[in-house]
Amino acid sequence: METNRQKKIGTLLQKDLVDILQGEVRKNNISNLIISISKVNVTSDLSIAKVYLSIFPTEKAAELLNAIRSNTPLIKHDLAQRVKLQLRKVPNLIFYIDDSLDQMEKLDKELKGENNPITNPELLDRRKKM
C-alpha cells in the first residue's frame, strides 16, 4: 500500500518526466511519436522510482526504451534540477514499457467476438499444438 507521500512524489515525478521526455522529442524534431507516462511507483524508502512508459507507435517501443535507459543519468539530472526545491534526493529511475493498453485492446477484441475462442479453440494458448 502506497502512502500519501509516495503518491505525491510519484505524481510530481510523473509530471516533470513527461515534460522532459516530450521536450526531447520536440527538440530532436521526431514526428509521429508519442511518449506518455502511465504510472510512477516510488518505493517506501523513496530511493527507487519505477516509471511505466506508453509509447506510440508500439513498434518503436523497444528501441526507444533502450535509448531512454542509456540516457537515464541525464534524465535524472534534468529531473533533479526541476524538483530540487521539493526533494532532497531524486530516486533512481527504472523505466518499463506499460503494455496494459495492448492487453485491454486484445481483451476488447475477444469480448466483441473478433477472436472468439469458443468458435475457434486454436486461439487459446493451452490448446496450441507445439
C-alpha atoms as a PDB file:
ATOM      1  CA  MET A   1       0.000   0.000   0.000  1.00  0.00           C
ATOM      2  CA  GLU A   2       1.399   3.336  -1.037  1.00  0.00           C
ATOM      3  CA  THR A   3       1.498   6.143   1.469  1.00  0.00           C
ATOM      4  CA  ASN A   4       0.310   9.636   0.621  1.00  0.00           C
ATOM      5  CA  ARG A   5       3.942  10.787   0.481  1.00  0.00           C
ATOM      6  CA  GLN A   6       4.813   8.126  -2.092  1.00  0.00           C
ATOM      7  CA  LYS A   7       1.783   9.069  -4.186  1.00  0.00           C
ATOM      8  CA  LYS A   8       2.636  12.772  -4.092  1.00  0.00           C
ATOM      9  CA  ILE A   9       6.259  12.153  -5.074  1.00  0.00           C
ATOM     10  CA  GLY A  10       5.143   9.778  -7.831  1.00  0.00           C
ATOM     11  CA  THR A  11       2.793  12.398  -9.243  1.00  0.00           C
ATOM     12  CA  LEU A  12       5.465  15.099  -9.047  1.00  0.00           C
ATOM     13  CA  LEU A  13       7.997  12.890 -10.837  1.00  0.00           C
ATOM     14  CA  GLN A  14       5.440  11.862 -13.444  1.00  0.00           C
ATOM     15  CA  LYS A  15       4.612  15.453 -14.419  1.00  0.00           C
ATOM     16  CA  ASP A  16       8.245  16.514 -14.690  1.00  0.00           C
ATOM     17  CA  LEU A  17       9.345  13.366 -16.542  1.00  0.00           C
ATOM     18  CA  VAL A  18       6.607  13.901 -19.132  1.00  0.00           C
ATOM     19  CA  ASP A  19       7.899  17.444 -19.687  1.00  0.00           C
ATOM     20  CA  ILE A  20      11.490  16.194 -20.038  1.00  0.00           C
ATOM     21  CA  LEU A  21      10.722  13.326 -22.429  1.00  0.00           C
ATOM     22  CA  GLN A  22       8.260  15.284 -24.586  1.00  0.00           C
ATOM     23  CA  GLY A  23      10.735  18.184 -24.675  1.00  0.00           C
ATOM     24  CA  GLU A  24      13.412  15.868 -26.043  1.00  0.00           C
ATOM     25  CA  VAL A  25      11.020  14.568 -28.700  1.00  0.00           C
ATOM     26  CA  ARG A  26      10.210  18.149 -29.766  1.00  0.00           C
ATOM     27  CA  LYS A  27      13.837  19.288 -29.574  1.00  0.00           C
ATOM     28  CA  ASN A  28      15.002  16.476 -31.861  1.00  0.00           C
ATOM     29  CA  ASN A  29      12.138  17.061 -34.332  1.00  0.00           C
ATOM     30  CA  ILE A  30      10.905  13.494 -34.056  1.00  0.00           C
ATOM     31  CA  SER A  31       7.485  13.242 -35.663  1.00  0.00           C
ATOM     32  CA  ASN A  32       4.833  10.558 -35.236  1.00  0.00           C
ATOM     33  CA  LEU A  33       5.977   9.598 -31.742  1.00  0.00           C
ATOM     34  CA  ILE A  34       4.061   9.910 -28.509  1.00  0.00           C
ATOM     35  CA  ILE A  35       5.575   9.131 -25.124  1.00  0.00           C
ATOM     36  CA  SER A  36       3.361   9.174 -22.076  1.00  0.00           C
ATOM     37  CA  ILE A  37       3.952   8.038 -18.540  1.00  0.00           C
ATOM     38  CA  SER A  38       1.102   5.939 -17.251  1.00  0.00           C
ATOM     39  CA  LYS A  39       2.360   5.468 -13.706  1.00  0.00           C
ATOM     40  CA  VAL A  40       5.278   6.126 -11.370  1.00  0.00           C
ATOM     41  CA  ASN A  41       5.672   3.848  -8.348  1.00  0.00           C
ATOM     42  CA  VAL A  42       8.046   5.023  -5.631  1.00  0.00           C
ATOM     43  CA  THR A  43       9.433   2.587  -3.055  1.00  0.00           C
ATOM     44  CA  SER A  44       8.720   3.169   0.619  1.00  0.00           C
ATOM     45  CA  ASP A  45      12.255   4.434   1.291  1.00  0.00           C
ATOM     46  CA  LEU A  46      11.931   6.829  -1.699  1.00  0.00           C
ATOM     47  CA  SER A  47      15.137   5.503  -3.284  1.00  0.00           C
ATOM     48  CA  ILE A  48      13.718   3.902  -6.443  1.00  0.00           C
ATOM     49  CA  ALA A  49      11.030   5.094  -8.842  1.00  0.00           C
ATOM     50  CA  LYS A  50       9.582   2.639 -11.347  1.00  0.00           C
ATOM     51  CA  VAL A  51       8.416   4.584 -14.390  1.00  0.00           C
ATOM     52  CA  TYR A  52       5.919   2.920 -16.736  1.00  0.00           C
ATOM     53  CA  LEU A  53       6.008   4.320 -20.282  1.00  0.00           C
ATOM     54  CA  SER A  54       3.395   4.091 -23.016  1.00  0.00           C
ATOM     55  CA  ILE A  55       4.993   4.615 -26.412  1.00  0.00           C
ATOM     56  CA  PHE A  56       3.085   5.016 -29.667  1.00  0.00           C
ATOM     57  CA  PRO A  57       3.679   3.549 -32.204  1.00  0.00           C
ATOM     58  CA  THR A  58       4.443   0.379 -30.295  1.00  0.00           C
ATOM     59  CA  GLU A  59       6.860  -0.844 -32.984  1.00  0.00           C
ATOM     60  CA  LYS A  60       9.403   1.716 -31.772  1.00  0.00           C
ATOM     61  CA  ALA A  61       8.877   0.920 -28.084  1.00  0.00           C
ATOM     62  CA  ALA A  62      11.798  -1.465 -27.507  1.00  0.00           C
ATOM     63  CA  GLU A  63      14.285   0.712 -29.378  1.00  0.00           C
ATOM     64  CA  LEU A  64      13.146   3.854 -27.588  1.00  0.00           C
ATOM     65  CA  LEU A  65      13.182   2.139 -24.187  1.00  0.00           C
ATOM     66  CA  ASN A  66      16.827   1.180 -24.723  1.00  0.00           C
ATOM     67  CA  ALA A  67      17.659   4.779 -25.657  1.00  0.00           C
ATOM     68  CA  ILE A  68      15.873   6.113 -22.581  1.00  0.00           C
ATOM     69  CA  ARG A  69      17.604   3.586 -20.318  1.00  0.00           C
ATOM     70  CA  SER A  70      21.002   4.545 -21.710  1.00  0.00           C
ATOM     71  CA  ASN A  71      20.249   8.225 -21.018  1.00  0.00           C
ATOM     72  CA  THR A  72      18.864   7.653 -17.508  1.00  0.00           C
ATOM     73  CA  PRO A  73      21.661   9.642 -15.769  1.00  0.00           C
ATOM     74  CA  LEU A  74      20.952  12.699 -17.951  1.00  0.00           C
ATOM     75  CA  ILE A  75      17.213  12.383 -17.382  1.00  0.00           C
ATOM     76  CA  LYS A  76      17.779  12.069 -13.627  1.00  0.00           C
ATOM     77  CA  HIS A  77      19.968  15.193 -13.683  1.00  0.00           C
ATOM     78  CA  ASP A  78      17.324  17.201 -15.549  1.00  0.00           C
ATOM     79  CA  LEU A  79      14.715  15.923 -13.127  1.00  0.00           C
ATOM     80  CA  ALA A  80      16.868  16.894 -10.139  1.00  0.00           C
ATOM     81  CA  GLN A  81      17.131  20.456 -11.472  1.00  0.00           C
ATOM     82  CA  ARG A  82      13.332  20.669 -11.691  1.00  0.00           C
ATOM     83  CA  VAL A  83      12.463  19.175  -8.294  1.00  0.00           C
ATOM     84  CA  LYS A  84      15.364  20.431  -6.202  1.00  0.00           C
ATOM     85  CA  LEU A  85      13.066  22.598  -4.097  1.00  0.00           C
ATOM     86  CA  GLN A  86      10.656  19.724  -3.354  1.00  0.00           C
ATOM     87  CA  LEU A  87      13.030  16.758  -2.873  1.00  0.00           C
ATOM     88  CA  ARG A  88      16.413  16.402  -1.234  1.00  0.00           C
ATOM     89  CA  LYS A  89      17.375  13.325  -3.201  1.00  0.00           C
ATOM     90  CA  VAL A  90      15.939  12.218  -6.522  1.00  0.00           C
ATOM     91  CA  PRO A  91      15.135   8.492  -6.607  1.00  0.00           C
ATOM     92  CA  ASN A  92      16.894   6.191  -9.060  1.00  0.00           C
ATOM     93  CA  LEU A  93      14.761   5.806 -12.169  1.00  0.00           C
ATOM     94  CA  ILE A  94      13.908   2.409 -13.645  1.00  0.00           C
ATOM     95  CA  PHE A  95      11.953   2.509 -16.905  1.00  0.00           C
ATOM     96  CA  TYR A  96       9.482  -0.132 -18.089  1.00  0.00           C
ATOM     97  CA  ILE A  97       7.116  -0.457 -21.028  1.00  0.00           C
ATOM     98  CA  ASP A  98       3.471  -0.353 -19.969  1.00  0.00           C
ATOM     99  CA  ASP A  99       1.627  -2.773 -22.226  1.00  0.00           C
ATOM    100  CA  SER A 100      -1.670  -2.581 -20.368  1.00  0.00           C
ATOM    101  CA  LEU A 101      -3.304  -0.708 -23.275  1.00  0.00           C
ATOM    102  CA  ASP A 102      -2.341  -3.517 -25.670  1.00  0.00           C
ATOM    103  CA  GLN A 103      -3.761  -6.065 -23.236  1.00  0.00           C
ATOM    104  CA  MET A 104      -7.016  -4.094 -22.957  1.00  0.00           C
ATOM    105  CA  GLU A 105      -7.285  -3.872 -26.741  1.00  0.00           C
ATOM    106  CA  LYS A 106      -6.750  -7.617 -27.079  1.00  0.00           C
ATOM    107  CA  LEU A 107      -9.348  -8.314 -24.394  1.00  0.00           C
ATOM    108  CA  ASP A 108     -11.791  -5.909 -26.033  1.00  0.00           C
ATOM    109  CA  LYS A 109     -11.435  -7.716 -29.376  1.00  0.00           C
ATOM    110  CA  GLU A 110     -12.035 -11.031 -27.657  1.00  0.00           C
ATOM    111  CA  LEU A 111     -15.135  -9.712 -25.913  1.00  0.00           C
ATOM    112  CA  LYS A 112     -16.521  -8.286 -29.155  1.00  0.00           C
ATOM    113  CA  GLY A 113     -16.167 -11.700 -30.746  1.00  0.00           C
ATOM    114  CA  GLU A 114     -13.482 -10.936 -33.308  1.00  0.00           C
ATOM    115  CA  ASN A 115     -11.201 -13.531 -31.740  1.00  0.00           C
ATOM    116  CA  ASN A 116     -13.753 -15.819 -30.166  1.00  0.00           C
ATOM    117  CA  PRO A 117     -12.036 -18.800 -28.519  1.00  0.00           C
ATOM    118  CA  ILE A 118     -15.338 -20.689 -28.345  1.00  0.00           C
ATOM    119  CA  THR A 119     -15.747 -20.843 -32.111  1.00  0.00           C
ATOM    120  CA  ASN A 120     -12.008 -21.228 -32.719  1.00  0.00           C
ATOM    121  CA  PRO A 121     -10.346 -23.132 -29.829  1.00  0.00           C
ATOM    122  CA  GLU A 122      -6.939 -22.841 -31.502  1.00  0.00           C
ATOM    123  CA  LEU A 123      -6.758 -19.249 -30.227  1.00  0.00           C
ATOM    124  CA  LEU A 124      -6.315 -20.473 -26.676  1.00  0.00           C
ATOM    125  CA  ASP A 125      -2.676 -20.700 -25.652  1.00  0.00           C
ATOM    126  CA  ARG A 126      -3.048 -24.033 -23.899  1.00  0.00           C
ATOM    127  CA  ARG A 127      -4.735 -25.555 -26.966  1.00  0.00           C
ATOM    128  CA  LYS A 128      -1.970 -24.635 -29.377  1.00  0.00           C
ATOM    129  CA  LYS A 129      -0.086 -27.673 -30.549  1.00  0.00           C
ATOM    130  CA  MET A 130       3.638 -27.490 -30.205  1.00  0.00           C
END
